[in-house]
Amino acid sequence: MKQLCCVQALLLITCALSVIVVSAIRLMQLPYDLLTPFAILVVL
């Protein structure tokens, strides 16, 4: 059971990292005019 939990935790970590990397790449590709209001909405 412990091994299964470790595998699930590793999968969750890798999924989260890939999502963060993909979103960061997409945000860098967006123009700053679109990025600024989006960032303000996220902060609010």
N, C-alpha and C. Protein backbone atom coordinates (compact mmCIF):
# COMPACT_ATOMS: atom_id res chain seq x y z
N MET A 1 0.83 -1.21 0.00
CA MET A 1 0.00 0.00 0.00
C MET A 1 0.87 1.26 0.00
N LYS A 2 1.98 1.21 0.73
CA LYS A 2 2.84 2.40 0.80
C LYS A 2 3.42 2.71 -0.58
N GLN A 3 3.81 1.66 -1.32
CA GLN A 3 4.37 1.89 -2.65
C GLN A 3 3.33 2.54 -3.55
N LEU A 4 2.08 2.11 -3.45
CA LEU A 4 1.02 2.67 -4.29
C LEU A 4 0.85 4.15 -3.98
N CYS A 5 0.88 4.51 -2.70
CA CYS A 5 0.74 5.92 -2.32
C CYS A 5 1.90 6.74 -2.86
N CYS A 6 3.09 6.19 -2.82
CA CYS A 6 4.26 6.90 -3.33
C CYS A 6 4.12 7.12 -4.84
N VAL A 7 3.65 6.10 -5.55
CA VAL A 7 3.48 6.22 -7.00
C VAL A 7 2.44 7.28 -7.31
N GLN A 8 1.33 7.29 -6.57
CA GLN A 8 0.29 8.29 -6.80
C GLN A 8 0.81 9.69 -6.52
N ALA A 9 1.60 9.84 -5.46
CA ALA A 9 2.15 11.15 -5.12
C ALA A 9 3.09 11.63 -6.22
N LEU A 10 3.93 10.73 -6.74
CA LEU A 10 4.85 11.11 -7.82
C LEU A 10 4.07 11.51 -9.06
N LEU A 11 3.00 10.77 -9.38
CA LEU A 11 2.18 11.11 -10.54
C LEU A 11 1.54 12.48 -10.36
N LEU A 12 1.04 12.76 -9.17
CA LEU A 12 0.42 14.06 -8.91
C LEU A 12 1.45 15.18 -9.07
N ILE A 13 2.66 14.96 -8.56
CA ILE A 13 3.71 15.99 -8.64
C ILE A 13 4.08 16.24 -10.09
N THR A 14 4.26 15.17 -10.87
CA THR A 14 4.64 15.34 -12.28
C THR A 14 3.53 16.03 -13.06
N CYS A 15 2.28 15.67 -12.77
CA CYS A 15 1.15 16.31 -13.46
C CYS A 15 1.12 17.80 -13.13
N ALA A 16 1.29 18.14 -11.86
CA ALA A 16 1.26 19.54 -11.45
C ALA A 16 2.40 20.32 -12.11
N LEU A 17 3.59 19.73 -12.16
CA LEU A 17 4.73 20.40 -12.77
C LEU A 17 4.50 20.64 -14.26
N SER A 18 3.96 19.63 -14.95
CA SER A 18 3.72 19.78 -16.39
C SER A 18 2.66 20.85 -16.64
N VAL A 19 1.63 20.89 -15.80
CA VAL A 19 0.59 21.92 -15.96
C VAL A 19 1.18 23.31 -15.76
N ILE A 20 2.04 23.45 -14.75
CA ILE A 20 2.67 24.75 -14.47
C ILE A 20 3.56 25.16 -15.65
N VAL A 21 4.33 24.22 -16.19
CA VAL A 21 5.23 24.54 -17.31
C VAL A 21 4.42 24.95 -18.53
N VAL A 22 3.37 24.19 -18.84
CA VAL A 22 2.56 24.49 -20.03
C VAL A 22 1.89 25.86 -19.89
N SER A 23 1.33 26.13 -18.71
CA SER A 23 0.65 27.42 -18.52
C SER A 23 1.66 28.57 -18.58
N ALA A 24 2.86 28.36 -18.05
CA ALA A 24 3.88 29.41 -18.10
C ALA A 24 4.28 29.69 -19.54
N ILE A 25 4.44 28.64 -20.36
CA ILE A 25 4.80 28.82 -21.77
C ILE A 25 3.69 29.57 -22.49
N ARG A 26 2.44 29.20 -22.23
CA ARG A 26 1.32 29.88 -22.89
C ARG A 26 1.25 31.34 -22.48
N LEU A 27 1.49 31.62 -21.19
CA LEU A 27 1.45 33.01 -20.72
C LEU A 27 2.57 33.83 -21.36
N MET A 28 3.75 33.24 -21.54
CA MET A 28 4.86 33.97 -22.15
C MET A 28 4.58 34.25 -23.62
N GLN A 29 3.81 33.37 -24.29
CA GLN A 29 3.51 33.57 -25.70
C GLN A 29 2.44 34.64 -25.90
N LEU A 30 1.59 34.87 -24.87
CA LEU A 30 0.53 35.87 -25.00
C LEU A 30 1.11 37.28 -25.01
N PRO A 31 0.44 38.18 -25.74
CA PRO A 31 0.86 39.60 -25.67
C PRO A 31 0.58 40.16 -24.28
N TYR A 32 1.36 41.16 -23.89
CA TYR A 32 1.21 41.71 -22.53
C TYR A 32 -0.12 42.44 -22.37
N ASP A 33 -0.69 42.95 -23.47
CA ASP A 33 -1.98 43.64 -23.37
C ASP A 33 -3.06 42.68 -22.90
N LEU A 34 -2.99 41.41 -23.33
CA LEU A 34 -3.96 40.42 -22.88
C LEU A 34 -3.57 39.88 -21.51
N LEU A 35 -2.26 39.86 -21.24
CA LEU A 35 -1.78 39.24 -20.00
C LEU A 35 -2.11 40.10 -18.77
N THR A 36 -2.02 41.42 -18.92
CA THR A 36 -2.19 42.30 -17.76
C THR A 36 -3.59 42.21 -17.15
N PRO A 37 -4.69 42.36 -17.93
CA PRO A 37 -6.02 42.23 -17.31
C PRO A 37 -6.26 40.83 -16.76
N PHE A 38 -5.72 39.82 -17.43
CA PHE A 38 -5.87 38.44 -16.94
C PHE A 38 -5.18 38.29 -15.58
N ALA A 39 -3.98 38.86 -15.44
CA ALA A 39 -3.26 38.78 -14.17
C ALA A 39 -4.03 39.53 -13.08
N ILE A 40 -4.60 40.68 -13.45
CA ILE A 40 -5.38 41.45 -12.47
C ILE A 40 -6.59 40.64 -12.01
N LEU A 41 -7.26 39.96 -12.95
CA LEU A 41 -8.41 39.14 -12.59
C LEU A 41 -7.99 38.00 -11.67
N VAL A 42 -6.85 37.40 -11.95
CA VAL A 42 -6.38 36.29 -11.12
C VAL A 42 -6.07 36.78 -9.71
N VAL A 43 -5.44 37.95 -9.61
CA VAL A 43 -5.10 38.50 -8.29
C VAL A 43 -6.37 38.82 -7.51
N LEU A 44 -7.37 39.39 -8.19
CA LEU A 44 -8.62 39.72 -7.51
C LEU A 44 -9.40 38.45 -7.22
